[in-house]
């Protein structure tokens, strides 16, 4: 589903970001998808 694809995308991007604040923001956005 679209939500799964977005979640996977956020996870992929999060793994490649060094800025922990950006990762936290992505996690919050990913959580909001559900």
PDB file of N, CA and C in Angstrom:
ATOM      1  N   UNK A   1       0.839  -1.196   0.000  1.00  0.00           N
ATOM      2  CA  UNK A   1       0.000   0.000   0.000  1.00  0.00           C
ATOM      3  C   UNK A   1       0.874   1.246   0.000  1.00  0.00           C
ATOM      4  N   UNK A   2       0.271   2.381  -0.209  1.00  0.00           N
ATOM      5  CA  UNK A   2       1.014   3.635  -0.255  1.00  0.00           C
ATOM      6  C   UNK A   2       1.679   3.930   1.082  1.00  0.00           C
ATOM      7  N   UNK A   3       0.969   3.637   2.176  1.00  0.00           N
ATOM      8  CA  UNK A   3       1.532   3.899   3.504  1.00  0.00           C
ATOM      9  C   UNK A   3       2.794   3.081   3.732  1.00  0.00           C
ATOM     10  N   UNK A   4       2.767   1.842   3.285  1.00  0.00           N
ATOM     11  CA  UNK A   4       3.936   0.973   3.457  1.00  0.00           C
ATOM     12  C   UNK A   4       5.112   1.518   2.659  1.00  0.00           C
ATOM     13  N   UNK A   5       4.834   1.973   1.439  1.00  0.00           N
ATOM     14  CA  UNK A   5       5.900   2.515   0.596  1.00  0.00           C
ATOM     15  C   UNK A   5       6.500   3.766   1.223  1.00  0.00           C
ATOM     16  N   UNK A   6       5.644   4.636   1.756  1.00  0.00           N
ATOM     17  CA  UNK A   6       6.137   5.860   2.390  1.00  0.00           C
ATOM     18  C   UNK A   6       6.952   5.524   3.628  1.00  0.00           C
ATOM     19  N   UNK A   7       6.473   4.565   4.410  1.00  0.00           N
ATOM     20  CA  UNK A   7       7.192   4.168   5.620  1.00  0.00           C
ATOM     21  C   UNK A   7       8.568   3.643   5.261  1.00  0.00           C
ATOM     22  N   UNK A   8       8.636   2.825   4.216  1.00  0.00           N
ATOM     23  CA  UNK A   8       9.915   2.265   3.780  1.00  0.00           C
ATOM     24  C   UNK A   8      10.833   3.379   3.288  1.00  0.00           C
ATOM     25  N   UNK A   9      10.263   4.363   2.609  1.00  0.00           N
ATOM     26  CA  UNK A   9      11.056   5.477   2.098  1.00  0.00           C
ATOM     27  C   UNK A   9      11.644   6.288   3.243  1.00  0.00           C
ATOM     28  N   UNK A  10      10.823   6.584   4.254  1.00  0.00           N
ATOM     29  CA  UNK A  10      11.320   7.330   5.407  1.00  0.00           C
ATOM     30  C   UNK A  10      12.414   6.552   6.116  1.00  0.00           C
ATOM     31  N   UNK A  11      12.235   5.239   6.224  1.00  0.00           N
ATOM     32  CA  UNK A  11      13.243   4.400   6.882  1.00  0.00           C
ATOM     33  C   UNK A  11      14.544   4.447   6.104  1.00  0.00           C
ATOM     34  N   UNK A  12      14.451   4.344   4.781  1.00  0.00           N
ATOM     35  CA  UNK A  12      15.637   4.364   3.922  1.00  0.00           C
ATOM     36  C   UNK A  12      16.367   5.697   4.047  1.00  0.00           C
ATOM     37  N   UNK A  13      15.611   6.781   3.969  1.00  0.00           N
ATOM     38  CA  UNK A  13      16.211   8.118   4.078  1.00  0.00           C
ATOM     39  C   UNK A  13      16.819   8.305   5.466  1.00  0.00           C
ATOM     40  N   UNK A  14      16.098   7.873   6.487  1.00  0.00           N
ATOM     41  CA  UNK A  14      16.571   8.025   7.858  1.00  0.00           C
ATOM     42  C   UNK A  14      17.915   7.363   8.077  1.00  0.00           C
ATOM     43  N   UNK A  15      18.126   6.224   7.450  1.00  0.00           N
ATOM     44  CA  UNK A  15      19.379   5.493   7.612  1.00  0.00           C
ATOM     45  C   UNK A  15      20.541   6.235   6.969  1.00  0.00           C
ATOM     46  N   UNK A  16      20.245   7.134   6.042  1.00  0.00           N
ATOM     47  CA  UNK A  16      21.299   7.826   5.310  1.00  0.00           C
ATOM     48  C   UNK A  16      21.483   9.274   5.762  1.00  0.00           C
ATOM     49  N   UNK A  17      20.774   9.652   6.823  1.00  0.00           N
ATOM     50  CA  UNK A  17      20.947  10.999   7.350  1.00  0.00           C
ATOM     51  C   UNK A  17      21.825  10.955   8.591  1.00  0.00           C
ATOM     52  N   UNK A  18      22.726  11.912   8.698  1.00  0.00           N
ATOM     53  CA  UNK A  18      23.599  11.956   9.867  1.00  0.00           C
ATOM     54  C   UNK A  18      23.002  12.839  10.954  1.00  0.00           C
ATOM     55  N   UNK A  19      22.090  13.719  10.559  1.00  0.00           N
ATOM     56  CA  UNK A  19      21.488  14.641  11.513  1.00  0.00           C
ATOM     57  C   UNK A  19      20.360  13.940  12.267  1.00  0.00           C
ATOM     58  N   UNK A  20      20.562  13.709  13.550  1.00  0.00           N
ATOM     59  CA  UNK A  20      19.582  12.976  14.354  1.00  0.00           C
ATOM     60  C   UNK A  20      18.250  13.718  14.422  1.00  0.00           C
ATOM     61  N   UNK A  21      18.286  15.044  14.355  1.00  0.00           N
ATOM     62  CA  UNK A  21      17.039  15.809  14.406  1.00  0.00           C
ATOM     63  C   UNK A  21      16.204  15.539  13.165  1.00  0.00           C
ATOM     64  N   UNK A  22      16.862  15.437  12.013  1.00  0.00           N
ATOM     65  CA  UNK A  22      16.143  15.138  10.780  1.00  0.00           C
ATOM     66  C   UNK A  22      15.516  13.752  10.861  1.00  0.00           C
ATOM     67  N   UNK A  23      16.256  12.809  11.446  1.00  0.00           N
ATOM     68  CA  UNK A  23      15.745  11.445  11.579  1.00  0.00           C
ATOM     69  C   UNK A  23      14.516  11.439  12.473  1.00  0.00           C
ATOM     70  N   UNK A  24      14.578  12.180  13.580  1.00  0.00           N
ATOM     71  CA  UNK A  24      13.435  12.239  14.490  1.00  0.00           C
ATOM     72  C   UNK A  24      12.224  12.837  13.787  1.00  0.00           C
ATOM     73  N   UNK A  25      12.454  13.857  12.971  1.00  0.00           N
ATOM     74  CA  UNK A  25      11.347  14.490  12.247  1.00  0.00           C
ATOM     75  C   UNK A  25      10.719  13.489  11.280  1.00  0.00           C
ATOM     76  N   UNK A  26      11.563  12.726  10.588  1.00  0.00           N
ATOM     77  CA  UNK A  26      11.050  11.737   9.642  1.00  0.00           C
ATOM     78  C   UNK A  26      10.250  10.666  10.365  1.00  0.00           C
ATOM     79  N   UNK A  27      10.734  10.272  11.545  1.00  0.00           N
ATOM     80  CA  UNK A  27      10.024   9.246  12.315  1.00  0.00           C
ATOM     81  C   UNK A  27       8.646   9.752  12.719  1.00  0.00           C
ATOM     82  N   UNK A  28       8.570  11.030  13.100  1.00  0.00           N
ATOM     83  CA  UNK A  28       7.279  11.600  13.489  1.00  0.00           C
ATOM     84  C   UNK A  28       6.337  11.636  12.298  1.00  0.00           C
ATOM     85  N   UNK A  29       6.864  12.031  11.141  1.00  0.00           N
ATOM     86  CA  UNK A  29       6.036  12.091   9.935  1.00  0.00           C
ATOM     87  C   UNK A  29       5.580  10.695   9.533  1.00  0.00           C
ATOM     88  N   UNK A  30       6.476   9.723   9.655  1.00  0.00           N
ATOM     89  CA  UNK A  30       6.134   8.349   9.302  1.00  0.00           C
ATOM     90  C   UNK A  30       5.043   7.835  10.234  1.00  0.00           C
ATOM     91  N   UNK A  31       5.144   8.186  11.512  1.00  0.00           N
ATOM     92  CA  UNK A  31       4.144   7.742  12.483  1.00  0.00           C
ATOM     93  C   UNK A  31       2.779   8.338  12.146  1.00  0.00           C
ATOM     94  N   UNK A  32       2.775   9.556  11.624  1.00  0.00           N
ATOM     95  CA  UNK A  32       1.517  10.222  11.285  1.00  0.00           C
ATOM     96  C   UNK A  32       0.826   9.580  10.090  1.00  0.00           C
ATOM     97  N   UNK A  33       1.565   8.804   9.300  1.00  0.00           N
ATOM     98  CA  UNK A  33       0.963   8.146   8.143  1.00  0.00           C
ATOM     99  C   UNK A  33      -0.033   7.078   8.584  1.00  0.00           C
ATOM    100  N   UNK A  34       0.159   6.577   9.802  1.00  0.00           N
ATOM    101  CA  UNK A  34      -0.741   5.550  10.301  1.00  0.00           C
ATOM    102  C   UNK A  34      -1.824   6.198  11.137  1.00  0.00           C
TER     103      UNK A  34
END
